[in-house]
Amino acid sequence: MRTTTTDEGEDDIMNPIYELTDHAHSEEELAPWLDACGTGRETIDGLLLTALDCAWGNWKAAAKPPMHPYANPAYLRAAETSPWRWDDCLPAGLFMYGLDTEQWHRIIAAMNDLGRFGLVDTAIVRRDLMDGEESVLAIRDNWEVADFDACEWSDPNAADPYICVVYDLRRLAEDEDGKPRRMKGTMRYDTHYSLSGFDYLTFPDA
């Protein structure tokens, strides 16, 4: 990592790979997500920062071309001489550098988590009428859409009758993790894949 001095005189750590990209966000903004999936290796973490930059507030569109406007020729030259390429915002070949399955899951979770950060947080929950168990079926970014889908999916006449209800996703996360981590203005709740496949969910620190 390279250290630079800001106008306020404070040292700021910049990843040299990420510095070369035409990025829209600072490393400080992306730090809570990189903290969850970073490896400490400059090349990998620089590419992860760029992937996170792509995903910011753009969950669905992040996997569609153009994935990122690489305007810096120096970055393009560096990319041409590296073993990386971009597939759905994530560099292929990461396992060649010793990443294990757990690290890969953390990367995917960070991408998903960041991509939906700041959106309206609603969850469609299936409530089994016979045994009383509940499970998250889907996440929707619009309460009205979630309510419509929940009505469509409910089937009290099925062999295993159930109804679908809409919950506040943050409240579900709070129920799952009573001791969330505060990270640079965010609250991170560990959910261990129990809420619609997410390992954790992040919300603004209230």
N, C-alpha and C. Protein backbone atom coordinates (compact mmCIF):
# COMPACT_ATOMS: atom_id res chain seq x y z
N MET A 1 0.82 -1.19 0.00
CA MET A 1 0.00 0.00 0.00
C MET A 1 0.87 1.26 0.00
N ARG A 2 0.36 2.32 -0.62
CA ARG A 2 1.09 3.56 -0.68
C ARG A 2 0.42 4.58 0.25
N THR A 3 1.21 5.37 0.94
CA THR A 3 0.68 6.37 1.85
C THR A 3 0.77 7.75 1.23
N THR A 4 -0.35 8.49 1.24
CA THR A 4 -0.36 9.85 0.75
C THR A 4 -0.83 10.76 1.88
N THR A 5 -0.58 12.05 1.75
CA THR A 5 -1.00 13.01 2.77
C THR A 5 -2.12 13.88 2.21
N THR A 6 -3.24 13.92 2.93
CA THR A 6 -4.39 14.69 2.49
C THR A 6 -4.20 16.17 2.83
N ASP A 7 -5.16 17.01 2.37
CA ASP A 7 -5.09 18.44 2.65
C ASP A 7 -5.14 18.71 4.14
N GLU A 8 -5.79 17.82 4.89
CA GLU A 8 -5.87 18.02 6.32
C GLU A 8 -4.61 17.55 7.04
N GLY A 9 -3.67 17.00 6.28
CA GLY A 9 -2.42 16.56 6.89
C GLY A 9 -2.47 15.14 7.41
N GLU A 10 -3.59 14.43 7.20
CA GLU A 10 -3.71 13.07 7.68
C GLU A 10 -3.24 12.10 6.61
N ASP A 11 -2.60 11.02 7.06
CA ASP A 11 -2.15 10.01 6.13
C ASP A 11 -3.34 9.19 5.62
N ASP A 12 -3.34 8.93 4.33
CA ASP A 12 -4.40 8.14 3.71
C ASP A 12 -3.75 7.02 2.92
N ILE A 13 -4.20 5.79 3.14
CA ILE A 13 -3.63 4.64 2.46
C ILE A 13 -4.36 4.43 1.14
N MET A 14 -3.59 4.40 0.04
CA MET A 14 -4.19 4.18 -1.26
C MET A 14 -3.64 2.89 -1.87
N ASN A 15 -4.52 2.07 -2.39
CA ASN A 15 -4.10 0.88 -3.09
C ASN A 15 -3.68 1.27 -4.49
N PRO A 16 -2.45 0.97 -4.91
CA PRO A 16 -1.95 1.43 -6.22
C PRO A 16 -2.75 0.88 -7.40
N ILE A 17 -3.32 -0.31 -7.27
CA ILE A 17 -4.13 -0.86 -8.36
C ILE A 17 -5.44 -0.09 -8.46
N TYR A 18 -6.07 0.14 -7.32
CA TYR A 18 -7.35 0.86 -7.32
C TYR A 18 -7.17 2.31 -7.74
N GLU A 19 -6.01 2.89 -7.42
CA GLU A 19 -5.73 4.27 -7.80
C GLU A 19 -5.78 4.46 -9.31
N LEU A 20 -5.45 3.42 -10.06
CA LEU A 20 -5.39 3.53 -11.50
C LEU A 20 -6.76 3.49 -12.17
N THR A 21 -7.78 3.08 -11.43
CA THR A 21 -9.10 2.97 -12.04
C THR A 21 -9.84 4.30 -12.00
N ASP A 22 -10.80 4.42 -12.88
CA ASP A 22 -11.67 5.59 -12.92
C ASP A 22 -12.79 5.37 -11.91
N HIS A 23 -12.43 5.36 -10.64
CA HIS A 23 -13.38 4.97 -9.62
C HIS A 23 -14.23 6.14 -9.14
N ALA A 24 -15.42 5.79 -8.63
CA ALA A 24 -16.36 6.82 -8.18
C ALA A 24 -16.39 6.95 -6.67
N HIS A 25 -15.75 6.05 -5.96
CA HIS A 25 -15.81 6.07 -4.51
C HIS A 25 -14.42 5.99 -3.91
N SER A 26 -14.29 6.44 -2.69
CA SER A 26 -13.00 6.42 -2.01
C SER A 26 -12.81 5.08 -1.30
N GLU A 27 -11.56 4.78 -0.98
CA GLU A 27 -11.31 3.55 -0.22
C GLU A 27 -11.95 3.62 1.16
N GLU A 28 -12.04 4.83 1.71
CA GLU A 28 -12.67 5.01 3.01
C GLU A 28 -14.14 4.58 2.96
N GLU A 29 -14.83 4.95 1.89
CA GLU A 29 -16.24 4.56 1.74
C GLU A 29 -16.39 3.04 1.63
N LEU A 30 -15.46 2.42 0.92
CA LEU A 30 -15.56 0.99 0.67
C LEU A 30 -14.96 0.14 1.78
N ALA A 31 -14.30 0.77 2.75
CA ALA A 31 -13.56 0.05 3.77
C ALA A 31 -14.39 -0.99 4.54
N PRO A 32 -15.64 -0.69 4.95
CA PRO A 32 -16.38 -1.72 5.70
C PRO A 32 -16.58 -3.01 4.93
N TRP A 33 -16.72 -2.91 3.60
CA TRP A 33 -16.93 -4.12 2.79
C TRP A 33 -15.60 -4.80 2.50
N LEU A 34 -14.55 -4.01 2.28
CA LEU A 34 -13.24 -4.62 2.06
C LEU A 34 -12.75 -5.30 3.34
N ASP A 35 -13.08 -4.72 4.50
CA ASP A 35 -12.69 -5.34 5.77
C ASP A 35 -13.25 -6.76 5.87
N ALA A 36 -14.40 -6.97 5.25
CA ALA A 36 -15.04 -8.29 5.35
C ALA A 36 -14.47 -9.30 4.37
N CYS A 37 -13.89 -8.84 3.25
CA CYS A 37 -13.47 -9.80 2.23
C CYS A 37 -12.04 -9.58 1.74
N GLY A 38 -11.33 -8.61 2.28
CA GLY A 38 -9.96 -8.34 1.83
C GLY A 38 -8.99 -9.42 2.23
N THR A 39 -7.89 -9.49 1.50
CA THR A 39 -6.88 -10.52 1.75
C THR A 39 -5.57 -9.95 2.29
N GLY A 40 -5.41 -8.62 2.17
CA GLY A 40 -4.14 -8.02 2.57
C GLY A 40 -3.11 -8.02 1.47
N ARG A 41 -3.46 -8.56 0.30
CA ARG A 41 -2.54 -8.57 -0.84
C ARG A 41 -2.95 -7.47 -1.82
N GLU A 42 -2.01 -6.61 -2.16
CA GLU A 42 -2.30 -5.41 -2.94
C GLU A 42 -3.07 -5.68 -4.23
N THR A 43 -2.58 -6.63 -5.01
CA THR A 43 -3.18 -6.87 -6.32
C THR A 43 -4.61 -7.34 -6.18
N ILE A 44 -4.84 -8.34 -5.33
CA ILE A 44 -6.18 -8.88 -5.15
C ILE A 44 -7.11 -7.82 -4.57
N ASP A 45 -6.65 -7.12 -3.53
CA ASP A 45 -7.51 -6.15 -2.87
C ASP A 45 -7.80 -4.94 -3.75
N GLY A 46 -6.86 -4.58 -4.60
CA GLY A 46 -7.12 -3.49 -5.54
C GLY A 46 -8.22 -3.84 -6.51
N LEU A 47 -8.20 -5.09 -7.00
CA LEU A 47 -9.24 -5.55 -7.90
C LEU A 47 -10.57 -5.70 -7.18
N LEU A 48 -10.52 -6.14 -5.92
CA LEU A 48 -11.75 -6.25 -5.15
C LEU A 48 -12.36 -4.87 -4.89
N LEU A 49 -11.51 -3.89 -4.62
CA LEU A 49 -12.01 -2.53 -4.43
C LEU A 49 -12.74 -2.03 -5.67
N THR A 50 -12.17 -2.32 -6.84
CA THR A 50 -12.81 -1.90 -8.08
C THR A 50 -14.13 -2.65 -8.28
N ALA A 51 -14.16 -3.93 -7.93
CA ALA A 51 -15.40 -4.70 -8.04
C ALA A 51 -16.46 -4.14 -7.09
N LEU A 52 -16.05 -3.79 -5.88
CA LEU A 52 -16.99 -3.20 -4.92
C LEU A 52 -17.49 -1.85 -5.42
N ASP A 53 -16.58 -1.10 -6.02
CA ASP A 53 -16.95 0.20 -6.60
C ASP A 53 -18.04 0.02 -7.64
N CYS A 54 -17.89 -1.02 -8.46
CA CYS A 54 -18.90 -1.33 -9.48
C CYS A 54 -20.25 -1.63 -8.85
N ALA A 55 -20.23 -2.34 -7.75
CA ALA A 55 -21.47 -2.84 -7.17
C ALA A 55 -22.22 -1.79 -6.36
N TRP A 56 -21.55 -0.71 -6.01
CA TRP A 56 -22.14 0.28 -5.10
C TRP A 56 -23.49 0.78 -5.65
N GLY A 57 -24.56 0.50 -4.92
CA GLY A 57 -25.88 1.00 -5.26
C GLY A 57 -26.38 0.56 -6.62
N ASN A 58 -25.80 -0.51 -7.16
CA ASN A 58 -26.13 -0.89 -8.52
C ASN A 58 -26.14 -2.41 -8.64
N TRP A 59 -26.89 -3.03 -7.77
CA TRP A 59 -26.85 -4.48 -7.61
C TRP A 59 -27.18 -5.21 -8.91
N LYS A 60 -28.28 -4.84 -9.57
CA LYS A 60 -28.71 -5.55 -10.77
C LYS A 60 -27.85 -5.19 -11.97
N ALA A 61 -27.52 -3.92 -12.10
CA ALA A 61 -26.79 -3.47 -13.29
C ALA A 61 -25.31 -3.79 -13.22
N ALA A 62 -24.81 -4.14 -12.03
CA ALA A 62 -23.37 -4.35 -11.88
C ALA A 62 -22.86 -5.49 -12.75
N ALA A 63 -23.71 -6.46 -13.06
CA ALA A 63 -23.28 -7.61 -13.85
C ALA A 63 -23.50 -7.42 -15.34
N LYS A 64 -23.95 -6.23 -15.73
CA LYS A 64 -24.18 -5.98 -17.15
C LYS A 64 -23.11 -5.05 -17.72
N PRO A 65 -22.67 -5.28 -18.93
CA PRO A 65 -21.68 -4.39 -19.54
C PRO A 65 -22.30 -3.04 -19.89
N PRO A 66 -21.54 -1.95 -19.87
CA PRO A 66 -20.13 -1.92 -19.45
C PRO A 66 -20.03 -1.98 -17.93
N MET A 67 -19.13 -2.84 -17.44
CA MET A 67 -19.07 -3.06 -16.01
C MET A 67 -18.41 -1.91 -15.26
N HIS A 68 -17.50 -1.24 -15.90
CA HIS A 68 -16.87 -0.08 -15.26
C HIS A 68 -16.15 0.73 -16.33
N PRO A 69 -16.24 2.06 -16.27
CA PRO A 69 -15.58 2.88 -17.29
C PRO A 69 -14.09 3.05 -16.98
N TYR A 70 -13.27 2.18 -17.50
CA TYR A 70 -11.83 2.26 -17.26
C TYR A 70 -11.23 3.33 -18.17
N ALA A 71 -11.06 4.52 -17.63
CA ALA A 71 -10.61 5.65 -18.44
C ALA A 71 -9.10 5.85 -18.38
N ASN A 72 -8.46 5.23 -17.40
CA ASN A 72 -7.03 5.47 -17.21
C ASN A 72 -6.21 4.50 -18.06
N PRO A 73 -5.47 4.99 -19.07
CA PRO A 73 -4.68 4.09 -19.93
C PRO A 73 -3.67 3.27 -19.14
N ALA A 74 -3.13 3.84 -18.06
CA ALA A 74 -2.15 3.10 -17.26
C ALA A 74 -2.78 1.86 -16.64
N TYR A 75 -4.04 1.98 -16.24
CA TYR A 75 -4.73 0.81 -15.68
C TYR A 75 -4.94 -0.25 -16.76
N LEU A 76 -5.33 0.19 -17.94
CA LEU A 76 -5.56 -0.76 -19.02
C LEU A 76 -4.28 -1.51 -19.37
N ARG A 77 -3.14 -0.79 -19.38
CA ARG A 77 -1.86 -1.45 -19.67
C ARG A 77 -1.53 -2.46 -18.57
N ALA A 78 -1.79 -2.06 -17.32
CA ALA A 78 -1.51 -2.97 -16.20
C ALA A 78 -2.41 -4.20 -16.27
N ALA A 79 -3.67 -3.98 -16.66
CA ALA A 79 -4.61 -5.10 -16.75
C ALA A 79 -4.22 -6.08 -17.85
N GLU A 80 -3.65 -5.55 -18.95
CA GLU A 80 -3.28 -6.41 -20.07
C GLU A 80 -2.15 -7.36 -19.71
N THR A 81 -1.32 -6.96 -18.77
CA THR A 81 -0.17 -7.78 -18.39
C THR A 81 -0.43 -8.62 -17.15
N SER A 82 -1.66 -8.61 -16.65
CA SER A 82 -1.99 -9.39 -15.46
C SER A 82 -2.86 -10.58 -15.86
N PRO A 83 -2.94 -11.61 -14.99
CA PRO A 83 -3.74 -12.79 -15.34
C PRO A 83 -5.22 -12.61 -15.04
N TRP A 84 -5.70 -11.37 -14.93
CA TRP A 84 -7.07 -11.13 -14.52
C TRP A 84 -7.96 -10.79 -15.72
N ARG A 85 -9.21 -11.08 -15.58
CA ARG A 85 -10.22 -10.54 -16.47
C ARG A 85 -11.48 -10.35 -15.63
N TRP A 86 -12.43 -9.60 -16.14
CA TRP A 86 -13.61 -9.27 -15.35
C TRP A 86 -14.82 -10.06 -15.82
N ASP A 87 -15.39 -10.85 -14.94
CA ASP A 87 -16.64 -11.57 -15.18
C ASP A 87 -17.63 -11.16 -14.10
N ASP A 88 -18.70 -10.49 -14.52
CA ASP A 88 -19.70 -10.04 -13.55
C ASP A 88 -19.05 -9.26 -12.40
N CYS A 89 -18.10 -8.41 -12.75
CA CYS A 89 -17.43 -7.51 -11.80
C CYS A 89 -16.37 -8.17 -10.94
N LEU A 90 -16.33 -9.49 -10.88
CA LEU A 90 -15.32 -10.16 -10.06
C LEU A 90 -14.23 -10.74 -10.94
N PRO A 91 -12.95 -10.56 -10.57
CA PRO A 91 -11.86 -11.10 -11.38
C PRO A 91 -11.84 -12.62 -11.35
N ALA A 92 -11.71 -13.20 -12.52
CA ALA A 92 -11.59 -14.65 -12.62
C ALA A 92 -10.18 -15.07 -12.22
N GLY A 93 -10.04 -16.29 -11.76
CA GLY A 93 -8.73 -16.82 -11.41
C GLY A 93 -8.27 -16.53 -10.00
N LEU A 94 -9.18 -16.06 -9.13
CA LEU A 94 -8.77 -15.73 -7.76
C LEU A 94 -8.24 -16.95 -7.00
N PHE A 95 -8.79 -18.12 -7.31
CA PHE A 95 -8.36 -19.32 -6.58
C PHE A 95 -6.90 -19.67 -6.87
N MET A 96 -6.38 -19.17 -8.00
CA MET A 96 -4.97 -19.40 -8.30
C MET A 96 -4.07 -18.73 -7.26
N TYR A 97 -4.62 -17.75 -6.56
CA TYR A 97 -3.83 -17.01 -5.59
C TYR A 97 -4.10 -17.45 -4.16
N GLY A 98 -4.62 -18.65 -3.99
CA GLY A 98 -4.73 -19.23 -2.66
C GLY A 98 -5.99 -18.88 -1.91
N LEU A 99 -6.99 -18.27 -2.57
CA LEU A 99 -8.24 -18.01 -1.87
C LEU A 99 -8.95 -19.32 -1.59
N ASP A 100 -9.52 -19.43 -0.39
CA ASP A 100 -10.29 -20.63 -0.08
C ASP A 100 -11.78 -20.35 -0.23
N THR A 101 -12.59 -21.36 -0.03
CA THR A 101 -14.03 -21.24 -0.25
C THR A 101 -14.65 -20.21 0.67
N GLU A 102 -14.21 -20.16 1.91
CA GLU A 102 -14.77 -19.20 2.86
C GLU A 102 -14.50 -17.77 2.42
N GLN A 103 -13.28 -17.50 1.95
CA GLN A 103 -12.97 -16.15 1.45
C GLN A 103 -13.84 -15.80 0.24
N TRP A 104 -14.04 -16.78 -0.64
CA TRP A 104 -14.85 -16.53 -1.83
C TRP A 104 -16.29 -16.18 -1.42
N HIS A 105 -16.84 -16.91 -0.47
CA HIS A 105 -18.19 -16.62 0.02
C HIS A 105 -18.26 -15.22 0.61
N ARG A 106 -17.20 -14.80 1.31
CA ARG A 106 -17.20 -13.46 1.89
C ARG A 106 -17.19 -12.39 0.79
N ILE A 107 -16.46 -12.67 -0.29
CA ILE A 107 -16.43 -11.72 -1.41
C ILE A 107 -17.82 -11.59 -2.02
N ILE A 108 -18.47 -12.72 -2.29
CA ILE A 108 -19.81 -12.70 -2.87
C ILE A 108 -20.78 -11.98 -1.93
N ALA A 109 -20.68 -12.27 -0.63
CA ALA A 109 -21.57 -11.63 0.34
C ALA A 109 -21.35 -10.13 0.37
N ALA A 110 -20.09 -9.71 0.29
CA ALA A 110 -19.79 -8.28 0.31
C ALA A 110 -20.35 -7.59 -0.92
N MET A 111 -20.23 -8.23 -2.09
CA MET A 111 -20.77 -7.66 -3.32
C MET A 111 -22.28 -7.50 -3.22
N ASN A 112 -22.96 -8.55 -2.77
CA ASN A 112 -24.41 -8.49 -2.65
C ASN A 112 -24.83 -7.46 -1.62
N ASP A 113 -24.14 -7.48 -0.48
CA ASP A 113 -24.48 -6.59 0.62
C ASP A 113 -24.31 -5.13 0.22
N LEU A 114 -23.19 -4.82 -0.40
CA LEU A 114 -22.92 -3.44 -0.82
C LEU A 114 -23.88 -3.01 -1.92
N GLY A 115 -24.18 -3.93 -2.83
CA GLY A 115 -25.04 -3.59 -3.95
C GLY A 115 -26.44 -3.19 -3.53
N ARG A 116 -26.91 -3.71 -2.40
CA ARG A 116 -28.26 -3.38 -1.96
C ARG A 116 -28.24 -2.39 -0.79
N PHE A 117 -27.08 -1.88 -0.43
CA PHE A 117 -26.95 -0.96 0.70
C PHE A 117 -27.73 0.33 0.43
N GLY A 118 -28.53 0.76 1.40
CA GLY A 118 -29.25 2.02 1.28
C GLY A 118 -30.58 1.91 0.58
N LEU A 119 -30.93 0.71 0.07
CA LEU A 119 -32.22 0.55 -0.58
C LEU A 119 -33.30 0.31 0.48
N VAL A 120 -34.56 0.40 0.08
CA VAL A 120 -35.65 0.07 0.99
C VAL A 120 -35.54 -1.40 1.33
N ASP A 121 -35.55 -1.73 2.60
CA ASP A 121 -35.24 -3.09 3.02
C ASP A 121 -36.49 -3.84 3.45
N THR A 122 -36.99 -4.68 2.57
CA THR A 122 -38.14 -5.50 2.88
C THR A 122 -37.83 -6.94 2.54
N ALA A 123 -38.42 -7.85 3.29
CA ALA A 123 -38.21 -9.28 3.08
C ALA A 123 -39.54 -10.00 3.04
N ILE A 124 -39.68 -10.93 2.11
CA ILE A 124 -40.86 -11.78 2.05
C ILE A 124 -40.55 -13.06 2.82
N VAL A 125 -41.35 -13.32 3.84
CA VAL A 125 -41.11 -14.46 4.72
C VAL A 125 -42.25 -15.46 4.57
N ARG A 126 -41.89 -16.71 4.40
CA ARG A 126 -42.90 -17.79 4.34
C ARG A 126 -43.16 -18.28 5.76
N ARG A 127 -44.42 -18.26 6.14
CA ARG A 127 -44.81 -18.72 7.47
C ARG A 127 -45.63 -19.99 7.31
N ASP A 128 -45.08 -21.11 7.78
CA ASP A 128 -45.79 -22.40 7.69
C ASP A 128 -46.89 -22.43 8.74
N LEU A 129 -48.11 -22.75 8.31
CA LEU A 129 -49.25 -22.70 9.21
C LEU A 129 -49.34 -23.94 10.09
N MET A 130 -48.70 -25.04 9.69
CA MET A 130 -48.79 -26.27 10.47
C MET A 130 -47.78 -26.29 11.61
N ASP A 131 -46.53 -26.01 11.30
CA ASP A 131 -45.49 -26.13 12.33
C ASP A 131 -45.01 -24.78 12.87
N GLY A 132 -45.47 -23.69 12.27
CA GLY A 132 -45.12 -22.38 12.80
C GLY A 132 -43.75 -21.87 12.42
N GLU A 133 -43.01 -22.61 11.59
CA GLU A 133 -41.67 -22.17 11.20
C GLU A 133 -41.75 -21.07 10.15
N GLU A 134 -40.71 -20.22 10.12
CA GLU A 134 -40.64 -19.14 9.15
C GLU A 134 -39.30 -19.18 8.43
N SER A 135 -39.28 -18.75 7.18
CA SER A 135 -38.03 -18.66 6.43
C SER A 135 -38.13 -17.53 5.42
N VAL A 136 -37.02 -16.84 5.21
CA VAL A 136 -37.00 -15.74 4.25
C VAL A 136 -36.96 -16.32 2.84
N LEU A 137 -37.92 -15.90 2.02
CA LEU A 137 -37.98 -16.37 0.65
C LEU A 137 -37.28 -15.43 -0.32
N ALA A 138 -37.43 -14.14 -0.11
CA ALA A 138 -36.89 -13.18 -1.08
C ALA A 138 -36.76 -11.81 -0.44
N ILE A 139 -35.93 -10.99 -1.07
CA ILE A 139 -35.75 -9.61 -0.65
C ILE A 139 -36.26 -8.72 -1.78
N ARG A 140 -37.04 -7.72 -1.44
CA ARG A 140 -37.55 -6.78 -2.42
C ARG A 140 -37.19 -5.36 -2.00
N ASP A 141 -36.96 -4.50 -2.98
CA ASP A 141 -36.56 -3.13 -2.69
C ASP A 141 -37.74 -2.17 -2.70
N ASN A 142 -38.95 -2.71 -2.80
CA ASN A 142 -40.14 -1.88 -2.81
C ASN A 142 -41.21 -2.59 -2.01
N TRP A 143 -41.75 -1.92 -0.99
CA TRP A 143 -42.69 -2.57 -0.08
C TRP A 143 -43.95 -3.02 -0.80
N GLU A 144 -44.46 -2.20 -1.73
CA GLU A 144 -45.68 -2.56 -2.44
C GLU A 144 -45.48 -3.79 -3.31
N VAL A 145 -44.32 -3.86 -3.97
CA VAL A 145 -44.02 -5.04 -4.79
C VAL A 145 -43.91 -6.28 -3.91
N ALA A 146 -43.25 -6.13 -2.77
CA ALA A 146 -43.11 -7.26 -1.85
C ALA A 146 -44.46 -7.73 -1.36
N ASP A 147 -45.36 -6.79 -1.04
CA ASP A 147 -46.69 -7.14 -0.55
C ASP A 147 -47.49 -7.88 -1.63
N PHE A 148 -47.37 -7.42 -2.88
CA PHE A 148 -48.06 -8.08 -3.98
C PHE A 148 -47.54 -9.50 -4.17
N ASP A 149 -46.21 -9.66 -4.17
CA ASP A 149 -45.62 -10.99 -4.34
C ASP A 149 -46.02 -11.92 -3.19
N ALA A 150 -46.05 -11.38 -1.98
CA ALA A 150 -46.40 -12.20 -0.83
C ALA A 150 -47.82 -12.74 -0.96
N CYS A 151 -48.74 -11.91 -1.44
CA CYS A 151 -50.12 -12.37 -1.65
C CYS A 151 -50.17 -13.43 -2.74
N GLU A 152 -49.42 -13.22 -3.82
CA GLU A 152 -49.42 -14.17 -4.93
C GLU A 152 -48.86 -15.53 -4.52
N TRP A 153 -47.86 -15.52 -3.64
CA TRP A 153 -47.17 -16.75 -3.27
C TRP A 153 -47.87 -17.52 -2.15
N SER A 154 -48.76 -16.87 -1.42
CA SER A 154 -49.43 -17.53 -0.30
C SER A 154 -50.37 -18.62 -0.81
N ASP A 155 -50.41 -19.74 -0.08
CA ASP A 155 -51.29 -20.84 -0.48
C ASP A 155 -51.77 -21.59 0.77
N PRO A 156 -52.83 -21.08 1.40
CA PRO A 156 -53.34 -21.76 2.61
C PRO A 156 -54.04 -23.08 2.32
N ASN A 157 -54.26 -23.39 1.03
CA ASN A 157 -54.95 -24.63 0.66
C ASN A 157 -53.99 -25.74 0.24
N ALA A 158 -52.71 -25.48 0.30
CA ALA A 158 -51.73 -26.49 -0.10
C ALA A 158 -51.67 -27.62 0.93
N ALA A 159 -51.02 -28.72 0.54
CA ALA A 159 -50.87 -29.86 1.46
C ALA A 159 -50.12 -29.44 2.72
N ASP A 160 -49.14 -28.58 2.55
CA ASP A 160 -48.43 -27.99 3.69
C ASP A 160 -48.77 -26.49 3.69
N PRO A 161 -49.92 -26.10 4.23
CA PRO A 161 -50.40 -24.73 4.08
C PRO A 161 -49.43 -23.69 4.64
N TYR A 162 -49.34 -22.59 3.93
CA TYR A 162 -48.46 -21.51 4.35
C TYR A 162 -48.99 -20.19 3.81
N ILE A 163 -48.57 -19.12 4.45
CA ILE A 163 -48.83 -17.78 3.94
C ILE A 163 -47.50 -17.04 3.89
N CYS A 164 -47.42 -16.03 3.04
CA CYS A 164 -46.23 -15.20 2.94
C CYS A 164 -46.54 -13.81 3.48
N VAL A 165 -45.68 -13.30 4.30
CA VAL A 165 -45.86 -11.98 4.90
C VAL A 165 -44.63 -11.14 4.63
N VAL A 166 -44.77 -9.84 4.73
CA VAL A 166 -43.68 -8.92 4.47
C VAL A 166 -43.15 -8.38 5.79
N TYR A 167 -41.84 -8.45 5.97
CA TYR A 167 -41.19 -7.97 7.19
C TYR A 167 -40.17 -6.90 6.84
N ASP A 168 -39.83 -6.12 7.83
CA ASP A 168 -38.73 -5.18 7.72
C ASP A 168 -37.43 -5.97 7.84
N LEU A 169 -36.59 -5.91 6.82
CA LEU A 169 -35.39 -6.73 6.78
C LEU A 169 -34.43 -6.38 7.91
N ARG A 170 -34.35 -5.11 8.25
CA ARG A 170 -33.43 -4.72 9.32
C ARG A 170 -33.87 -5.32 10.65
N ARG A 171 -35.18 -5.35 10.88
CA ARG A 171 -35.65 -5.95 12.12
C ARG A 171 -35.32 -7.43 12.18
N LEU A 172 -35.45 -8.12 11.05
CA LEU A 172 -35.06 -9.52 11.01
C LEU A 172 -33.57 -9.69 11.31
N ALA A 173 -32.76 -8.79 10.75
CA ALA A 173 -31.31 -8.85 11.01
C ALA A 173 -31.01 -8.61 12.48
N GLU A 174 -31.73 -7.69 13.09
CA GLU A 174 -31.53 -7.41 14.52
C GLU A 174 -31.89 -8.62 15.37
N ASP A 175 -32.95 -9.33 14.96
CA ASP A 175 -33.33 -10.54 15.69
C ASP A 175 -32.27 -11.63 15.55
N GLU A 176 -31.61 -11.66 14.39
CA GLU A 176 -30.61 -12.69 14.12
C GLU A 176 -29.30 -12.42 14.85
N ASP A 177 -28.93 -11.16 14.98
CA ASP A 177 -27.64 -10.79 15.57
C ASP A 177 -27.86 -9.65 16.56
N GLY A 178 -27.84 -9.98 17.85
CA GLY A 178 -28.07 -8.98 18.88
C GLY A 178 -26.88 -8.09 19.17
N LYS A 179 -25.72 -8.43 18.61
CA LYS A 179 -24.51 -7.64 18.86
C LYS A 179 -23.83 -7.28 17.54
N PRO A 180 -24.45 -6.41 16.74
CA PRO A 180 -23.86 -6.06 15.44
C PRO A 180 -22.59 -5.25 15.62
N ARG A 181 -21.78 -5.23 14.55
CA ARG A 181 -20.53 -4.46 14.56
C ARG A 181 -20.75 -3.10 13.95
N ARG A 182 -20.23 -2.08 14.59
CA ARG A 182 -20.26 -0.73 14.03
C ARG A 182 -18.98 -0.52 13.24
N MET A 183 -19.14 -0.14 11.96
CA MET A 183 -17.99 0.01 11.08
C MET A 183 -18.16 1.26 10.23
N LYS A 184 -17.49 2.33 10.62
CA LYS A 184 -17.43 3.55 9.81
C LYS A 184 -18.82 4.03 9.36
N GLY A 185 -19.71 4.22 10.33
CA GLY A 185 -21.03 4.74 10.02
C GLY A 185 -22.04 3.70 9.60
N THR A 186 -21.68 2.43 9.67
CA THR A 186 -22.61 1.36 9.30
C THR A 186 -22.78 0.39 10.47
N MET A 187 -23.86 -0.36 10.42
CA MET A 187 -24.11 -1.45 11.37
C MET A 187 -24.14 -2.75 10.58
N ARG A 188 -23.30 -3.68 10.95
CA ARG A 188 -23.23 -4.96 10.24
C ARG A 188 -23.77 -6.07 11.12
N TYR A 189 -24.78 -6.78 10.59
CA TYR A 189 -25.41 -7.88 11.30
C TYR A 189 -25.01 -9.19 10.66
N ASP A 190 -24.41 -10.09 11.43
CA ASP A 190 -24.08 -11.42 10.92
C ASP A 190 -25.35 -12.25 10.86
N THR A 191 -25.66 -12.77 9.70
CA THR A 191 -26.88 -13.55 9.52
C THR A 191 -26.61 -14.99 9.12
N HIS A 192 -25.36 -15.30 8.79
CA HIS A 192 -24.94 -16.69 8.52
C HIS A 192 -25.83 -17.35 7.47
N TYR A 193 -26.13 -16.61 6.40
CA TYR A 193 -26.88 -17.11 5.25
C TYR A 193 -28.35 -17.42 5.57
N SER A 194 -28.83 -17.04 6.75
CA SER A 194 -30.19 -17.39 7.12
C SER A 194 -31.22 -16.46 6.50
N LEU A 195 -30.82 -15.26 6.09
CA LEU A 195 -31.76 -14.31 5.50
C LEU A 195 -31.53 -14.23 3.99
N SER A 196 -32.25 -15.06 3.29
CA SER A 196 -32.21 -15.06 1.83
C SER A 196 -30.80 -15.25 1.28
N GLY A 197 -29.99 -16.03 1.99
CA GLY A 197 -28.67 -16.40 1.48
C GLY A 197 -27.56 -15.42 1.81
N PHE A 198 -27.86 -14.33 2.52
CA PHE A 198 -26.81 -13.37 2.85
C PHE A 198 -26.05 -13.82 4.09
N ASP A 199 -24.72 -13.66 4.07
CA ASP A 199 -23.90 -13.98 5.23
C ASP A 199 -23.99 -12.86 6.25
N TYR A 200 -24.17 -11.64 5.79
CA TYR A 200 -24.37 -10.51 6.70
C TYR A 200 -25.12 -9.43 5.95
N LEU A 201 -25.71 -8.50 6.68
CA LEU A 201 -26.42 -7.37 6.10
C LEU A 201 -25.93 -6.09 6.76
N THR A 202 -25.82 -5.04 5.97
CA THR A 202 -25.30 -3.77 6.46
C THR A 202 -26.35 -2.69 6.30
N PHE A 203 -26.47 -1.85 7.33
CA PHE A 203 -27.42 -0.75 7.33
C PHE A 203 -26.73 0.50 7.86
N PRO A 204 -27.25 1.68 7.53
CA PRO A 204 -26.69 2.90 8.12
C PRO A 204 -26.83 2.85 9.64
N ASP A 205 -25.83 3.37 10.32
CA ASP A 205 -25.85 3.40 11.78
C ASP A 205 -26.89 4.42 12.23
N ALA A 206 -27.94 3.94 12.86
CA ALA A 206 -29.05 4.82 13.26
C ALA A 206 -28.66 5.66 14.47
